[in-house]
């Protein structure tokens, strides 16, 4: 399994920071999920039972010079980590080893991950742990609201693991969190990055009403339909498109958003076709970023897309009618999400 203290982009800097600082204190700030492999499966343990087996590549493309990110160290990073541990909260930034963690935590921003840190699915591109999740924590909405108020944030992204074990896929818990945060910070803007609520779409969409309607509704397609069985076992491309379209029909004033990761073997024409499908389903905002392999047990990177190619895709997206397109190697759904939203909702 992957060493949880190794980061794929900056292992040397991360190790040096741990050696130079207080190691016991640093260990206390590590996400709990990374210390319990018996309940939080990652790497080979996680992907061993997916339908299309991951073949570890031996001739992988070399990481180009433009794939660089800020090391996750510094006072700002430690402040956010302490707050998360104090309140028992998780972030997708830590759980998925986001390359932008250092930059975002240093600026006091994070994407909060609700409904626990154990996912019911085994997607081989993702480093979030798989296992048997606990029941939703009824105290989490209040804890989340208190943390956000303490940070003084104006824009927050809330996401979750997949919860196929719940009747509504966790949508009711999303709604409870949105209501709690709005009560604690009435002027805040809230974006949700939701799972696909597979076969639970009706009851899930019904949860997002009144104070539980987000300012931006985000659901990522992740990849092109040809690669779904390999990269997103259990997901449905048409179902994800329909989820975005149905939410937009219910809430026409709320921007919808989706994202793709590139580098799994998709072609440019396939990416453009997905972008066209998103526009046909009333999606207004788009993020495009480079896939980075979390460990050797995960899907290998087939290709690194060049900065100029990301620029071309951004231009193509704007020409298709997207209100905003964030396209670049280190772009992720929630990276500068506040700036993305301001371009659309002000």
Protein backbone atom coordinates (compact mmCIF):
# COMPACT_ATOMS: atom_id res chain seq x y z
CA UNK A 1 0.00 0.00 0.00
CA UNK A 2 1.04 3.61 -0.46
CA UNK A 3 2.96 5.20 2.40
CA UNK A 4 0.49 7.82 3.66
CA UNK A 5 3.30 10.28 4.33
CA UNK A 6 4.50 10.22 0.74
CA UNK A 7 3.01 12.73 -1.65
CA UNK A 8 3.33 11.98 -5.38
CA UNK A 9 4.33 15.54 -6.27
CA UNK A 10 6.69 16.58 -3.51
CA UNK A 11 7.89 13.61 -1.40
CA UNK A 12 11.26 15.15 -0.56
CA UNK A 13 9.81 18.40 0.75
CA UNK A 14 7.15 16.57 2.71
CA UNK A 15 9.68 14.21 4.34
CA UNK A 16 12.01 17.07 5.17
CA UNK A 17 9.22 18.98 6.87
CA UNK A 18 8.36 15.97 9.00
CA UNK A 19 11.98 15.40 9.96
CA UNK A 20 12.56 19.03 10.86
CA UNK A 21 9.40 19.46 12.92
CA UNK A 22 7.83 17.71 15.86
CA UNK A 23 7.15 14.23 14.51
CA UNK A 24 4.69 13.12 17.22
CA UNK A 25 2.72 16.35 16.74
CA UNK A 26 2.75 15.88 12.96
CA UNK A 27 1.49 12.32 13.37
CA UNK A 28 -1.39 13.59 15.49
CA UNK A 29 -2.47 15.81 12.59
CA UNK A 30 -2.52 12.94 10.07
CA UNK A 31 -6.06 12.06 8.92
CA UNK A 32 -7.27 9.12 11.06
CA UNK A 33 -8.20 7.12 7.95
CA UNK A 34 -4.53 6.77 7.04
CA UNK A 35 -3.73 4.98 10.29
CA UNK A 36 -6.42 2.29 10.04
CA UNK A 37 -5.86 0.12 6.94
CA UNK A 38 -7.99 -2.64 8.45
CA UNK A 39 -11.11 -0.48 8.04
CA UNK A 40 -9.93 1.97 5.36
CA UNK A 41 -8.76 0.06 2.29
CA UNK A 42 -6.45 1.82 -0.15
CA UNK A 43 -4.16 0.88 -3.01
CA UNK A 44 -4.16 -2.79 -3.97
CA UNK A 45 -6.55 -3.78 -1.16
CA UNK A 46 -9.12 -1.33 -2.47
CA UNK A 47 -9.00 -2.16 -6.18
CA UNK A 48 -8.57 -5.95 -5.91
CA UNK A 49 -12.26 -6.63 -6.62
CA UNK A 50 -13.07 -4.21 -9.44
CA UNK A 51 -14.30 -5.68 -12.78
CA UNK A 52 -11.41 -4.40 -14.92
CA UNK A 53 -8.15 -5.13 -13.14
CA UNK A 54 -5.50 -2.44 -12.91
CA UNK A 55 -2.37 -3.40 -14.81
CA UNK A 56 0.68 -1.79 -13.27
CA UNK A 57 2.51 -0.02 -16.06
CA UNK A 58 6.24 -0.46 -16.47
CA UNK A 59 6.74 2.09 -19.23
CA UNK A 60 4.96 5.08 -17.74
CA UNK A 61 5.39 8.57 -19.20
CA UNK A 62 7.80 10.77 -17.28
CA UNK A 63 6.22 13.53 -15.22
CA UNK A 64 6.73 16.82 -17.09
CA UNK A 65 8.16 20.01 -15.63
CA UNK A 66 4.80 21.76 -15.48
CA UNK A 67 3.45 19.27 -12.91
CA UNK A 68 4.60 21.07 -9.78
CA UNK A 69 2.72 22.09 -6.66
CA UNK A 70 3.39 23.73 -3.32
CA UNK A 71 4.52 21.33 -0.59
CA UNK A 72 1.84 20.82 2.11
CA UNK A 73 3.81 22.44 4.95
CA UNK A 74 3.71 25.70 6.89
CA UNK A 75 1.75 27.42 9.65
CA UNK A 76 -1.40 27.84 7.58
CA UNK A 77 -1.47 24.14 6.71
CA UNK A 78 -0.99 23.12 10.35
CA UNK A 79 -3.76 25.50 11.45
CA UNK A 80 -6.30 23.91 9.13
CA UNK A 81 -5.19 20.39 10.06
CA UNK A 82 -5.53 21.12 13.79
CA UNK A 83 -9.01 22.55 13.28
CA UNK A 84 -10.08 19.50 11.28
CA UNK A 85 -8.78 17.07 13.91
CA UNK A 86 -10.34 19.07 16.78
CA UNK A 87 -13.78 18.93 15.17
CA UNK A 88 -13.44 15.41 13.78
CA UNK A 89 -13.87 16.64 10.20
CA UNK A 90 -12.45 15.30 6.95
CA UNK A 91 -11.46 17.01 3.72
CA UNK A 92 -11.21 15.56 0.26
CA UNK A 93 -7.98 17.54 0.04
CA UNK A 94 -6.29 15.16 2.49
CA UNK A 95 -8.19 11.97 1.73
CA UNK A 96 -7.54 12.13 -2.03
CA UNK A 97 -4.02 13.61 -1.78
CA UNK A 98 -4.93 16.71 -3.77
CA UNK A 99 -1.85 18.37 -5.29
CA UNK A 100 -3.18 21.80 -4.32
CA UNK A 101 -3.51 21.06 -0.59
CA UNK A 102 -0.51 23.19 0.37
CA UNK A 103 -1.74 26.25 -1.49
CA UNK A 104 -5.36 25.96 -0.37
CA UNK A 105 -4.69 25.19 3.30
CA UNK A 106 -2.14 28.01 3.44
CA UNK A 107 -4.87 30.42 2.33
CA UNK A 108 -7.40 29.04 4.82
CA UNK A 109 -9.58 27.15 2.35
CA UNK A 110 -10.58 23.50 2.22
CA UNK A 111 -13.20 21.26 0.65
CA UNK A 112 -15.05 19.60 3.49
CA UNK A 113 -15.94 15.93 3.08
CA UNK A 114 -19.03 14.85 4.99
CA UNK A 115 -20.59 11.44 5.70
CA UNK A 116 -17.32 9.93 6.89
CA UNK A 117 -14.03 9.02 5.27
CA UNK A 118 -14.99 5.58 3.93
CA UNK A 119 -16.43 5.23 0.42
CA UNK A 120 -18.68 2.37 -0.64
CA UNK A 121 -17.08 2.25 -4.10
CA UNK A 122 -13.65 1.20 -5.36
CA UNK A 123 -12.81 3.67 -8.14
CA UNK A 124 -9.21 2.91 -9.16
CA UNK A 125 -8.29 6.53 -9.91
CA UNK A 126 -9.20 7.77 -6.42
CA UNK A 127 -7.24 7.56 -3.16
CA UNK A 128 -10.21 7.93 -0.83
CA UNK A 129 -10.48 4.79 1.31
CA UNK A 130 -13.01 2.01 0.70
CA UNK A 131 -14.74 0.04 3.42
CA UNK A 132 -17.89 -0.30 5.48
CA UNK A 133 -18.99 3.20 6.52
CA UNK A 134 -20.55 4.16 9.82
CA UNK A 135 -24.03 5.67 10.09
CA UNK A 136 -24.12 9.42 9.41
CA UNK A 137 -22.95 11.50 12.37
CA UNK A 138 -25.90 13.63 13.48
CA UNK A 139 -23.49 16.07 15.15
CA UNK A 140 -21.57 16.69 11.94
CA UNK A 141 -23.72 19.53 10.54
CA UNK A 142 -23.24 21.60 13.71
CA UNK A 143 -19.51 20.79 13.88
CA UNK A 144 -19.07 21.73 10.24
CA UNK A 145 -20.94 25.01 10.72
CA UNK A 146 -18.83 25.87 13.77
CA UNK A 147 -15.58 25.19 11.92
CA UNK A 148 -16.61 27.28 8.93
CA UNK A 149 -17.68 30.16 11.18
CA UNK A 150 -14.37 29.96 13.04
CA UNK A 151 -12.46 30.16 9.78
CA UNK A 152 -14.53 33.13 8.63
CA UNK A 153 -14.97 31.67 5.16
CA UNK A 154 -17.14 33.34 2.51
CA UNK A 155 -17.23 30.45 0.04
CA UNK A 156 -17.25 26.77 0.97
CA UNK A 157 -17.36 23.53 -1.02
CA UNK A 158 -18.96 20.50 0.63
CA UNK A 159 -18.49 17.05 -0.86
CA UNK A 160 -18.87 13.48 0.33
CA UNK A 161 -17.89 9.90 -0.20
CA UNK A 162 -20.33 7.66 -2.08
CA UNK A 163 -22.88 6.25 0.36
CA UNK A 164 -24.66 3.50 -1.54
CA UNK A 165 -25.70 2.09 1.84
CA UNK A 166 -28.10 4.98 2.51
CA UNK A 167 -31.64 5.18 1.13
CA UNK A 168 -31.09 8.72 -0.17
CA UNK A 169 -27.39 8.32 -0.95
CA UNK A 170 -26.63 10.85 1.78
CA UNK A 171 -28.56 13.74 0.24
CA UNK A 172 -30.49 14.40 3.44
CA UNK A 173 -27.22 14.80 5.33
CA UNK A 174 -26.00 17.22 2.66
CA UNK A 175 -29.18 19.23 3.21
CA UNK A 176 -28.72 19.23 6.99
CA UNK A 177 -25.16 20.52 6.57
CA UNK A 178 -26.24 23.25 4.17
CA UNK A 179 -28.96 24.44 6.55
CA UNK A 180 -26.62 24.43 9.55
CA UNK A 181 -23.91 26.38 7.75
CA UNK A 182 -26.37 28.96 6.42
CA UNK A 183 -27.77 29.45 9.93
CA UNK A 184 -24.27 30.06 11.30
CA UNK A 185 -23.09 32.19 8.38
CA UNK A 186 -26.05 33.69 6.47
CA UNK A 187 -23.91 35.50 3.90
CA UNK A 188 -21.84 32.49 2.89
CA UNK A 189 -21.95 30.96 -0.59
CA UNK A 190 -22.08 27.17 -0.71
CA UNK A 191 -21.14 24.75 -3.46
CA UNK A 192 -21.87 21.04 -3.26
CA UNK A 193 -19.89 18.39 -5.10
CA UNK A 194 -22.22 15.42 -4.95
CA UNK A 195 -21.95 11.71 -5.84
CA UNK A 196 -24.27 10.29 -8.48
CA UNK A 197 -26.94 9.10 -5.99
CA UNK A 198 -27.19 5.99 -8.16
CA UNK A 199 -30.76 4.66 -8.29
CA UNK A 200 -31.72 7.16 -5.58
CA UNK A 201 -31.99 10.29 -7.72
CA UNK A 202 -35.64 11.09 -6.97
CA UNK A 203 -35.35 11.08 -3.19
CA UNK A 204 -31.92 12.71 -3.33
CA UNK A 205 -32.97 15.66 -5.46
CA UNK A 206 -36.00 16.23 -3.23
CA UNK A 207 -33.66 16.98 -0.31
CA UNK A 208 -32.25 20.14 -1.89
CA UNK A 209 -34.97 22.67 -1.07
CA UNK A 210 -35.22 26.09 0.61
CA UNK A 211 -32.12 26.77 2.76
CA UNK A 212 -30.63 23.49 1.50
CA UNK A 213 -30.37 24.71 -2.10
CA UNK A 214 -26.68 25.33 -2.87
CA UNK A 215 -25.29 28.28 -4.79
CA UNK A 216 -23.50 25.90 -7.18
CA UNK A 217 -24.39 22.24 -7.83
CA UNK A 218 -21.40 20.18 -8.95
CA UNK A 219 -21.24 16.56 -10.06
CA UNK A 220 -18.18 15.28 -11.89
CA UNK A 221 -18.38 12.99 -14.91
CA UNK A 222 -14.65 12.30 -14.33
CA UNK A 223 -13.89 10.64 -17.68
CA UNK A 224 -15.24 9.74 -21.11
CA UNK A 225 -17.95 7.04 -21.41
CA UNK A 226 -15.62 4.51 -23.08
CA UNK A 227 -13.52 4.40 -19.89
CA UNK A 228 -16.36 4.21 -17.36
CA UNK A 229 -16.24 0.46 -16.75
CA UNK A 230 -12.49 0.68 -16.10
CA UNK A 231 -12.31 3.96 -14.18
CA UNK A 232 -15.76 4.33 -12.57
CA UNK A 233 -17.10 0.83 -11.83
CA UNK A 234 -20.70 1.09 -10.70
CA UNK A 235 -21.28 4.54 -12.20
CA UNK A 236 -23.43 5.39 -15.20
CA UNK A 237 -22.50 8.12 -17.68
CA UNK A 238 -26.06 8.80 -18.82
CA UNK A 239 -27.26 8.80 -15.23
CA UNK A 240 -24.70 11.41 -14.23
CA UNK A 241 -25.71 13.66 -17.11
CA UNK A 242 -29.36 13.24 -16.17
CA UNK A 243 -28.64 14.17 -12.54
CA UNK A 244 -27.17 17.51 -13.63
CA UNK A 245 -30.04 18.18 -16.00
CA UNK A 246 -32.73 17.27 -13.48
CA UNK A 247 -31.26 19.49 -10.78
CA UNK A 248 -31.11 22.38 -13.25
CA UNK A 249 -34.74 21.86 -14.19
CA UNK A 250 -35.73 22.05 -10.52
CA UNK A 251 -33.49 25.05 -9.78
CA UNK A 252 -32.94 27.00 -13.02
CA UNK A 253 -31.21 29.86 -11.21
CA UNK A 254 -28.46 27.68 -9.71
CA UNK A 255 -25.37 27.06 -11.89
CA UNK A 256 -24.49 23.42 -12.53
CA UNK A 257 -20.89 22.30 -12.83
CA UNK A 258 -18.92 19.21 -13.79
CA UNK A 259 -15.34 18.11 -14.28
CA UNK A 260 -13.09 15.72 -16.17
CA UNK A 261 -9.64 14.35 -15.44
CA UNK A 262 -7.43 13.80 -18.47
CA UNK A 263 -4.66 11.29 -18.97
CA UNK A 264 -6.42 7.93 -18.67
CA UNK A 265 -6.29 7.22 -22.39
CA UNK A 266 -9.10 9.41 -23.70
CA UNK A 267 -8.79 11.22 -27.02
CA UNK A 268 -9.32 14.91 -27.70
CA UNK A 269 -12.44 14.16 -29.73
CA UNK A 270 -13.87 12.10 -26.87
CA UNK A 271 -13.28 14.98 -24.46
CA UNK A 272 -14.98 17.41 -26.82
CA UNK A 273 -17.92 15.02 -27.16
CA UNK A 274 -18.34 14.89 -23.37
CA UNK A 275 -18.20 18.68 -23.22
CA UNK A 276 -20.94 18.84 -25.85
CA UNK A 277 -23.03 16.34 -23.86
CA UNK A 278 -22.68 18.50 -20.76
CA UNK A 279 -23.87 21.58 -22.60
CA UNK A 280 -26.80 19.59 -24.01
CA UNK A 281 -27.74 18.76 -20.41
CA UNK A 282 -27.63 22.41 -19.28
CA UNK A 283 -24.27 22.26 -17.49
CA UNK A 284 -22.74 25.74 -17.27
CA UNK A 285 -19.37 25.38 -15.52
CA UNK A 286 -16.52 23.00 -16.33
CA UNK A 287 -13.18 21.97 -14.84
CA UNK A 288 -10.49 20.05 -16.73
CA UNK A 289 -7.36 18.75 -15.01
CA UNK A 290 -4.56 16.22 -15.35
CA UNK A 291 -5.01 12.81 -13.72
CA UNK A 292 -2.16 11.96 -11.34
CA UNK A 293 -1.69 8.37 -10.19
CA UNK A 294 -1.96 8.18 -6.35
CA UNK A 295 0.00 4.90 -6.15
CA UNK A 296 1.25 2.05 -8.32
CA UNK A 297 -1.94 0.15 -7.51
CA UNK A 298 -4.08 2.83 -9.15
CA UNK A 299 -4.78 3.38 -12.83
CA UNK A 300 -1.60 4.47 -14.60
CA UNK A 301 -1.22 7.82 -16.32
CA UNK A 302 -1.39 7.12 -20.06
CA UNK A 303 -0.48 10.62 -21.14
CA UNK A 304 0.28 14.07 -19.76
CA UNK A 305 -1.71 16.74 -21.55
CA UNK A 306 0.34 19.83 -22.39
CA UNK A 307 -0.57 23.33 -21.12
CA UNK A 308 -1.36 24.42 -24.68
CA UNK A 309 -3.86 21.56 -25.02
CA UNK A 310 -5.61 22.61 -21.83
CA UNK A 311 -5.78 26.16 -23.21
CA UNK A 312 -7.31 24.88 -26.44
CA UNK A 313 -9.95 22.91 -24.53
CA UNK A 314 -10.80 25.96 -22.47
CA UNK A 315 -11.33 28.00 -25.63
CA UNK A 316 -13.44 25.21 -27.12
CA UNK A 317 -15.58 25.08 -23.99
CA UNK A 318 -16.22 28.81 -23.97
CA UNK A 319 -17.16 28.60 -27.65
CA UNK A 320 -19.68 25.87 -26.77
CA UNK A 321 -21.38 28.23 -24.34
CA UNK A 322 -20.02 27.30 -20.92
CA UNK A 323 -20.16 30.26 -18.54
CA UNK A 324 -16.79 29.35 -17.07
CA UNK A 325 -14.08 26.80 -17.93
CA UNK A 326 -11.10 26.18 -15.64
CA UNK A 327 -8.59 24.11 -17.60
CA UNK A 328 -5.05 23.24 -16.56
CA UNK A 329 -2.84 20.44 -15.30
CA UNK A 330 -3.44 21.07 -11.59
CA UNK A 331 -7.04 22.25 -11.89
CA UNK A 332 -9.42 20.31 -9.66
CA UNK A 333 -13.16 20.71 -9.10
CA UNK A 334 -12.73 22.79 -5.98
CA UNK A 335 -9.49 24.58 -6.85
CA UNK A 336 -10.24 28.32 -6.64
CA UNK A 337 -13.91 27.36 -6.65
CA UNK A 338 -14.78 30.78 -5.27
CA UNK A 339 -13.14 32.48 -8.25
CA UNK A 340 -14.88 30.11 -10.65
CA UNK A 341 -18.24 30.88 -9.07
CA UNK A 342 -17.71 34.63 -9.00
CA UNK A 343 -17.37 34.57 -12.78
CA UNK A 344 -20.90 33.17 -12.96
CA UNK A 345 -22.88 34.23 -9.88
CA UNK A 346 -20.93 37.30 -8.76
